[in-house]
Amino acid sequence: MMAQFLDNDQDGCADDANVVKMMRLNQAGLVLMDSENEAYYEDIVEGFDETVLFASQVRPFCSGSSETSTCRDVAIEEVFNFITEYGISPFYPNEFGQCYDGNVQERSDLQVQMDIARAAAVFTYDDVTCNYDCLTEEFFYYALTSLLGGQDARVAQNMDEWKASTPQDLQTKLPGMYNLLTGGVTSMQLLSADGVLPGSGNAAGATATYNP
């Protein structure tokens, strides 16, 4: 799935090598474990910045556009958040930065759009444990997956947190965010009007030919 995010056009190479280089520079990676009860954190190499997925969260049969109101592949959110935190955000801090130091004048374009969405009551995520950086991550995930058709089966379920679950609603209610996602800031096909949500249709992603 991570390869599908990074090589969205499926030509065997990362769409934006700089994002991959940044992930490597941060010594970050994904770790898949059986369950929380059988986790093996002690085996992870010191200095490796991991994001952990558990087998129960990986549900490829309802991934991408196959997601329904009762079945979703949590791996999509976790993998995207991982790529954002360690790759996209640090390499494109002005456009997609997630870190916030309290200076409103230094918000990234993504954070400006999030604040617009919050003021318009389109993004109403209210987990008290989620700080501003965390809210930015959640907003980015909701907006991108809505653009790529990954939330349209969950319109009713999302209403308490998100009210732009279709591409049409995103463009109408949050035109600035729609333009940010489709404006070609990066060379990642994922962040474009031609992006394909991993797990959708015949999207298989890069395999043995992957060469970032």
C-alpha atoms as a PDB file:
ATOM      1  CA  MET A   1       0.000   0.000   0.000  1.00  0.00           C
ATOM      2  CA  MET A   2       2.828   2.424   0.762  1.00  0.00           C
ATOM      3  CA  ALA A   3       4.181   1.782  -2.735  1.00  0.00           C
ATOM      4  CA  GLN A   4       0.761   2.664  -4.176  1.00  0.00           C
ATOM      5  CA  PHE A   5       0.853   5.995  -2.371  1.00  0.00           C
ATOM      6  CA  LEU A   6       4.407   6.783  -3.459  1.00  0.00           C
ATOM      7  CA  ASP A   7       4.162   5.388  -6.990  1.00  0.00           C
ATOM      8  CA  ASN A   8       0.606   6.333  -7.769  1.00  0.00           C
ATOM      9  CA  ASP A   9       1.118   6.276 -11.546  1.00  0.00           C
ATOM     10  CA  GLN A  10       2.485   2.706 -11.234  1.00  0.00           C
ATOM     11  CA  ASP A  11       5.519   3.180 -13.464  1.00  0.00           C
ATOM     12  CA  GLY A  12       7.851   1.476 -11.001  1.00  0.00           C
ATOM     13  CA  CYS A  13       9.434   4.672  -9.664  1.00  0.00           C
ATOM     14  CA  ALA A  14       8.465   7.010  -6.855  1.00  0.00           C
ATOM     15  CA  ASP A  15       6.462   9.933  -8.244  1.00  0.00           C
ATOM     16  CA  ASP A  16       8.398  12.338  -6.006  1.00  0.00           C
ATOM     17  CA  ALA A  17      11.800  10.950  -5.015  1.00  0.00           C
ATOM     18  CA  ASN A  18      12.316  13.829  -2.582  1.00  0.00           C
ATOM     19  CA  VAL A  19       9.490  12.541  -0.388  1.00  0.00           C
ATOM     20  CA  VAL A  20      11.111   9.102  -0.231  1.00  0.00           C
ATOM     21  CA  LYS A  21      14.531  10.608   0.481  1.00  0.00           C
ATOM     22  CA  MET A  22      13.065  12.594   3.357  1.00  0.00           C
ATOM     23  CA  MET A  23      11.491   9.453   4.820  1.00  0.00           C
ATOM     24  CA  ARG A  24      14.867   7.735   4.631  1.00  0.00           C
ATOM     25  CA  LEU A  25      16.619  10.730   6.158  1.00  0.00           C
ATOM     26  CA  ASN A  26      14.203  10.524   9.069  1.00  0.00           C
ATOM     27  CA  GLN A  27      14.968   6.784   9.371  1.00  0.00           C
ATOM     28  CA  ALA A  28      11.256   6.097   9.412  1.00  0.00           C
ATOM     29  CA  GLY A  29       9.316   3.020   8.431  1.00  0.00           C
ATOM     30  CA  LEU A  30       6.223   0.909   8.962  1.00  0.00           C
ATOM     31  CA  VAL A  31       6.122  -2.120  11.233  1.00  0.00           C
ATOM     32  CA  LEU A  32       3.314  -4.697  10.992  1.00  0.00           C
ATOM     33  CA  MET A  33       2.597  -6.660  14.164  1.00  0.00           C
ATOM     34  CA  ASP A  34       0.085  -9.419  14.894  1.00  0.00           C
ATOM     35  CA  SER A  35      -1.695  -7.642  17.731  1.00  0.00           C
ATOM     36  CA  GLU A  36      -1.147  -5.303  20.658  1.00  0.00           C
ATOM     37  CA  ASN A  37      -0.900  -8.366  22.886  1.00  0.00           C
ATOM     38  CA  GLU A  38       1.861  -9.823  20.728  1.00  0.00           C
ATOM     39  CA  ALA A  39       3.802  -6.643  19.985  1.00  0.00           C
ATOM     40  CA  TYR A  40       7.581  -6.838  19.835  1.00  0.00           C
ATOM     41  CA  TYR A  41       8.742  -3.255  20.257  1.00  0.00           C
ATOM     42  CA  GLU A  42      11.954  -4.418  21.880  1.00  0.00           C
ATOM     43  CA  ASP A  43      13.054  -5.913  18.540  1.00  0.00           C
ATOM     44  CA  ILE A  44      12.866  -2.590  16.696  1.00  0.00           C
ATOM     45  CA  VAL A  45      16.297  -1.131  16.033  1.00  0.00           C
ATOM     46  CA  GLU A  46      17.173   1.870  18.191  1.00  0.00           C
ATOM     47  CA  GLY A  47      16.932   5.109  16.237  1.00  0.00           C
ATOM     48  CA  PHE A  48      14.312   3.730  13.839  1.00  0.00           C
ATOM     49  CA  ASP A  49      11.211   5.931  13.901  1.00  0.00           C
ATOM     50  CA  GLU A  50       8.383   3.484  13.420  1.00  0.00           C
ATOM     51  CA  THR A  51       4.668   3.633  12.787  1.00  0.00           C
ATOM     52  CA  VAL A  52       3.034   0.431  13.967  1.00  0.00           C
ATOM     53  CA  LEU A  53       0.145  -1.288  12.224  1.00  0.00           C
ATOM     54  CA  PHE A  54      -1.649  -4.293  13.663  1.00  0.00           C
ATOM     55  CA  ALA A  55      -2.968  -7.108  11.512  1.00  0.00           C
ATOM     56  CA  SER A  56      -6.548  -6.440  12.634  1.00  0.00           C
ATOM     57  CA  GLN A  57      -6.348  -2.944  11.108  1.00  0.00           C
ATOM     58  CA  VAL A  58      -5.433  -4.216   7.646  1.00  0.00           C
ATOM     59  CA  ARG A  59      -8.597  -5.010   5.700  1.00  0.00           C
ATOM     60  CA  PRO A  60      -7.760  -5.022   1.969  1.00  0.00           C
ATOM     61  CA  PHE A  61     -11.203  -6.360   1.024  1.00  0.00           C
ATOM     62  CA  CYS A  62     -12.736  -2.996   1.950  1.00  0.00           C
ATOM     63  CA  SER A  63      -9.885  -0.737   0.963  1.00  0.00           C
ATOM     64  CA  GLY A  64      -9.933   2.293  -1.318  1.00  0.00           C
ATOM     65  CA  SER A  65     -13.159   2.713  -3.244  1.00  0.00           C
ATOM     66  CA  SER A  66     -14.375  -0.621  -1.818  1.00  0.00           C
ATOM     67  CA  GLU A  67     -14.823   1.023   1.582  1.00  0.00           C
ATOM     68  CA  THR A  68     -18.395   0.937   2.887  1.00  0.00           C
ATOM     69  CA  SER A  69     -20.318   2.495   5.735  1.00  0.00           C
ATOM     70  CA  THR A  70     -19.506  -0.526   7.907  1.00  0.00           C
ATOM     71  CA  CYS A  71     -16.094  -1.628   6.656  1.00  0.00           C
ATOM     72  CA  ARG A  72     -12.924   0.398   6.198  1.00  0.00           C
ATOM     73  CA  ASP A  73      -9.233  -0.348   5.856  1.00  0.00           C
ATOM     74  CA  VAL A  74      -7.552   1.591   8.669  1.00  0.00           C
ATOM     75  CA  ALA A  75      -4.196   0.936   6.998  1.00  0.00           C
ATOM     76  CA  ILE A  76      -4.977   3.601   4.387  1.00  0.00           C
ATOM     77  CA  GLU A  77      -5.144   6.320   7.040  1.00  0.00           C
ATOM     78  CA  GLU A  78      -2.132   5.081   8.986  1.00  0.00           C
ATOM     79  CA  VAL A  79       0.091   4.691   5.927  1.00  0.00           C
ATOM     80  CA  PHE A  80      -0.891   8.084   4.531  1.00  0.00           C
ATOM     81  CA  ASN A  81      -0.320   9.781   7.894  1.00  0.00           C
ATOM     82  CA  PHE A  82       3.099   8.136   8.061  1.00  0.00           C
ATOM     83  CA  ILE A  83       4.098   9.385   4.595  1.00  0.00           C
ATOM     84  CA  THR A  84       2.780  12.845   5.438  1.00  0.00           C
ATOM     85  CA  GLU A  85       4.590  13.108   8.772  1.00  0.00           C
ATOM     86  CA  TYR A  86       7.975  11.870   7.602  1.00  0.00           C
ATOM     87  CA  GLY A  87       7.994  12.727   3.901  1.00  0.00           C
ATOM     88  CA  ILE A  88       5.512  15.242   2.498  1.00  0.00           C
ATOM     89  CA  SER A  89       5.277  17.643   5.431  1.00  0.00           C
ATOM     90  CA  PRO A  90       9.013  18.058   6.141  1.00  0.00           C
ATOM     91  CA  PHE A  91       9.934  18.433   2.472  1.00  0.00           C
ATOM     92  CA  TYR A  92       7.078  20.818   1.645  1.00  0.00           C
ATOM     93  CA  PRO A  93       6.709  22.749   4.929  1.00  0.00           C
ATOM     94  CA  ASN A  94       5.270  25.905   3.369  1.00  0.00           C
ATOM     95  CA  GLU A  95       2.517  24.040   1.565  1.00  0.00           C
ATOM     96  CA  PHE A  96       1.881  20.906   3.631  1.00  0.00           C
ATOM     97  CA  GLY A  97       3.685  21.530   6.929  1.00  0.00           C
ATOM     98  CA  GLN A  98       2.096  20.058  10.049  1.00  0.00           C
ATOM     99  CA  CYS A  99       4.261  21.559  12.796  1.00  0.00           C
ATOM    100  CA  TYR A 100       2.877  24.709  14.425  1.00  0.00           C
ATOM    101  CA  ASP A 101       4.744  26.941  16.854  1.00  0.00           C
ATOM    102  CA  GLY A 102       1.829  29.214  17.733  1.00  0.00           C
ATOM    103  CA  ASN A 103       2.674  31.956  15.216  1.00  0.00           C
ATOM    104  CA  VAL A 104      -0.404  32.320  13.043  1.00  0.00           C
ATOM    105  CA  GLN A 105       1.667  34.035  10.347  1.00  0.00           C
ATOM    106  CA  GLU A 106       3.788  30.904   9.893  1.00  0.00           C
ATOM    107  CA  ARG A 107       1.011  28.431   9.242  1.00  0.00           C
ATOM    108  CA  SER A 108       1.392  26.248   6.180  1.00  0.00           C
ATOM    109  CA  ASP A 109      -1.094  26.533   3.309  1.00  0.00           C
ATOM    110  CA  LEU A 110      -2.617  23.283   4.560  1.00  0.00           C
ATOM    111  CA  GLN A 111      -3.153  24.728   8.025  1.00  0.00           C
ATOM    112  CA  VAL A 112      -4.673  27.910   6.622  1.00  0.00           C
ATOM    113  CA  GLN A 113      -7.172  25.785   4.722  1.00  0.00           C
ATOM    114  CA  MET A 114      -7.875  23.715   7.811  1.00  0.00           C
ATOM    115  CA  ASP A 115      -8.691  26.837   9.805  1.00  0.00           C
ATOM    116  CA  ILE A 116     -11.030  27.956   7.028  1.00  0.00           C
ATOM    117  CA  ALA A 117     -12.740  24.548   7.189  1.00  0.00           C
ATOM    118  CA  ARG A 118     -13.039  24.772  10.973  1.00  0.00           C
ATOM    119  CA  ALA A 119     -14.482  28.283  10.837  1.00  0.00           C
ATOM    120  CA  ALA A 120     -17.049  27.109   8.271  1.00  0.00           C
ATOM    121  CA  ALA A 121     -17.910  24.079  10.429  1.00  0.00           C
ATOM    122  CA  VAL A 122     -16.912  21.719   7.627  1.00  0.00           C
ATOM    123  CA  PHE A 123     -14.133  20.127   9.693  1.00  0.00           C
ATOM    124  CA  THR A 124     -15.406  19.607  13.244  1.00  0.00           C
ATOM    125  CA  TYR A 125     -13.066  16.922  14.561  1.00  0.00           C
ATOM    126  CA  ASP A 126     -12.979  17.487  18.332  1.00  0.00           C
ATOM    127  CA  ASP A 127     -10.847  14.818  19.984  1.00  0.00           C
ATOM    128  CA  VAL A 128      -9.468  16.628  23.039  1.00  0.00           C
ATOM    129  CA  THR A 129      -6.226  14.614  22.835  1.00  0.00           C
ATOM    130  CA  CYS A 130      -5.546  15.884  19.295  1.00  0.00           C
ATOM    131  CA  ASN A 131      -3.431  19.069  19.221  1.00  0.00           C
ATOM    132  CA  TYR A 132      -3.098  21.478  16.290  1.00  0.00           C
ATOM    133  CA  ASP A 133      -0.478  19.362  14.506  1.00  0.00           C
ATOM    134  CA  CYS A 134      -2.668  16.291  14.942  1.00  0.00           C
ATOM    135  CA  LEU A 135      -5.714  18.169  13.624  1.00  0.00           C
ATOM    136  CA  THR A 136      -3.698  19.130  10.539  1.00  0.00           C
ATOM    137  CA  GLU A 137      -2.939  15.462   9.893  1.00  0.00           C
ATOM    138  CA  GLU A 138      -6.588  14.440  10.292  1.00  0.00           C
ATOM    139  CA  PHE A 139      -7.763  17.264   8.029  1.00  0.00           C
ATOM    140  CA  PHE A 140      -5.248  16.337   5.308  1.00  0.00           C
ATOM    141  CA  TYR A 141      -6.393  12.710   5.389  1.00  0.00           C
ATOM    142  CA  TYR A 142     -10.093  13.581   5.212  1.00  0.00           C
ATOM    143  CA  ALA A 143      -9.602  16.062   2.367  1.00  0.00           C
ATOM    144  CA  LEU A 144      -7.407  13.839   0.204  1.00  0.00           C
ATOM    145  CA  THR A 145      -9.484  10.689   0.601  1.00  0.00           C
ATOM    146  CA  SER A 146     -12.634  12.684  -0.144  1.00  0.00           C
ATOM    147  CA  LEU A 147     -11.044  14.056  -3.311  1.00  0.00           C
ATOM    148  CA  LEU A 148     -10.118  10.522  -4.398  1.00  0.00           C
ATOM    149  CA  GLY A 149     -13.533   8.974  -3.701  1.00  0.00           C
ATOM    150  CA  GLY A 150     -12.672   7.196  -0.483  1.00  0.00           C
ATOM    151  CA  GLN A 151     -15.297   8.811   1.765  1.00  0.00           C
ATOM    152  CA  ASP A 152     -18.423   8.971  -0.371  1.00  0.00           C
ATOM    153  CA  ALA A 153     -19.816   5.764   1.180  1.00  0.00           C
ATOM    154  CA  ARG A 154     -19.386   7.231   4.652  1.00  0.00           C
ATOM    155  CA  VAL A 155     -21.112  10.618   4.295  1.00  0.00           C
ATOM    156  CA  ALA A 156     -23.517   9.975   7.176  1.00  0.00           C
ATOM    157  CA  GLN A 157     -20.870   8.395   9.406  1.00  0.00           C
ATOM    158  CA  ASN A 158     -18.519  11.360   8.898  1.00  0.00           C
ATOM    159  CA  MET A 159     -21.027  14.122   9.653  1.00  0.00           C
ATOM    160  CA  ASP A 160     -19.902  14.676  13.231  1.00  0.00           C
ATOM    161  CA  GLU A 161     -16.339  15.340  12.055  1.00  0.00           C
ATOM    162  CA  TRP A 162     -16.349  16.094   8.337  1.00  0.00           C
ATOM    163  CA  LYS A 163     -18.935  17.509   5.952  1.00  0.00           C
ATOM    164  CA  ALA A 164     -17.152  17.366   2.583  1.00  0.00           C
ATOM    165  CA  SER A 165     -16.991  13.625   1.961  1.00  0.00           C
ATOM    166  CA  THR A 166     -17.390  13.727  -1.826  1.00  0.00           C
ATOM    167  CA  PRO A 167     -15.150  15.341  -4.456  1.00  0.00           C
ATOM    168  CA  GLN A 168     -18.002  17.674  -5.369  1.00  0.00           C
ATOM    169  CA  ASP A 169     -18.548  18.787  -1.772  1.00  0.00           C
ATOM    170  CA  LEU A 170     -14.832  19.336  -1.272  1.00  0.00           C
ATOM    171  CA  GLN A 171     -14.610  21.542  -4.345  1.00  0.00           C
ATOM    172  CA  THR A 172     -17.750  23.477  -3.438  1.00  0.00           C
ATOM    173  CA  LYS A 173     -17.261  23.906   0.297  1.00  0.00           C
ATOM    174  CA  LEU A 174     -13.456  24.132   0.426  1.00  0.00           C
ATOM    175  CA  PRO A 175     -12.268  25.386  -2.970  1.00  0.00           C
ATOM    176  CA  GLY A 176      -8.938  26.534  -1.539  1.00  0.00           C
ATOM    177  CA  MET A 177      -8.146  23.050  -0.248  1.00  0.00           C
ATOM    178  CA  TYR A 178      -9.310  21.488  -3.491  1.00  0.00           C
ATOM    179  CA  ASN A 179      -6.942  23.775  -5.403  1.00  0.00           C
ATOM    180  CA  LEU A 180      -4.075  23.032  -3.010  1.00  0.00           C
ATOM    181  CA  LEU A 181      -4.484  19.289  -3.572  1.00  0.00           C
ATOM    182  CA  THR A 182      -4.803  19.523  -7.340  1.00  0.00           C
ATOM    183  CA  GLY A 183      -2.436  22.426  -8.010  1.00  0.00           C
ATOM    184  CA  GLY A 184       0.711  20.415  -8.697  1.00  0.00           C
ATOM    185  CA  VAL A 185       2.724  21.464  -5.637  1.00  0.00           C
ATOM    186  CA  THR A 186       4.518  18.117  -5.726  1.00  0.00           C
ATOM    187  CA  SER A 187       5.101  15.610  -8.502  1.00  0.00           C
ATOM    188  CA  MET A 188       3.134  13.001  -6.565  1.00  0.00           C
ATOM    189  CA  GLN A 189       0.251  11.859  -8.742  1.00  0.00           C
ATOM    190  CA  LEU A 190      -1.561  11.089  -5.488  1.00  0.00           C
ATOM    191  CA  LEU A 191      -1.820  14.830  -4.854  1.00  0.00           C
ATOM    192  CA  SER A 192      -3.455  15.674  -8.142  1.00  0.00           C
ATOM    193  CA  ALA A 193      -6.741  15.446  -9.989  1.00  0.00           C
ATOM    194  CA  ASP A 194      -5.463  12.154 -11.457  1.00  0.00           C
ATOM    195  CA  GLY A 195      -4.702  10.560  -8.094  1.00  0.00           C
ATOM    196  CA  VAL A 196      -5.938   7.048  -7.353  1.00  0.00           C
ATOM    197  CA  LEU A 197      -6.699   5.988  -3.801  1.00  0.00           C
ATOM    198  CA  PRO A 198      -4.647   2.858  -2.992  1.00  0.00           C
ATOM    199  CA  GLY A 199      -6.760  -0.270  -3.033  1.00  0.00           C
ATOM    200  CA  SER A 200      -9.157   1.122  -5.641  1.00  0.00           C
ATOM    201  CA  GLY A 201      -9.965  -0.716  -8.836  1.00  0.00           C
ATOM    202  CA  ASN A 202      -6.927  -2.481 -10.290  1.00  0.00           C
ATOM    203  CA  ALA A 203      -4.378  -0.290  -8.528  1.00  0.00           C
ATOM    204  CA  ALA A 204      -1.579  -2.664  -7.621  1.00  0.00           C
ATOM    205  CA  GLY A 205       1.165  -0.133  -6.976  1.00  0.00           C
ATOM    206  CA  ALA A 206       4.832  -0.688  -7.566  1.00  0.00           C
ATOM    207  CA  THR A 207       6.182  -4.190  -7.061  1.00  0.00           C
ATOM    208  CA  ALA A 208       9.624  -5.608  -7.823  1.00  0.00           C
ATOM    209  CA  THR A 209      10.435  -2.738 -10.177  1.00  0.00           C
ATOM    210  CA  TYR A 210      10.087  -0.085  -7.463  1.00  0.00           C
ATOM    211  CA  ASN A 211      13.132   2.159  -7.703  1.00  0.00           C
ATOM    212  CA  PRO A 212      12.738   5.444  -5.755  1.00  0.00           C
END
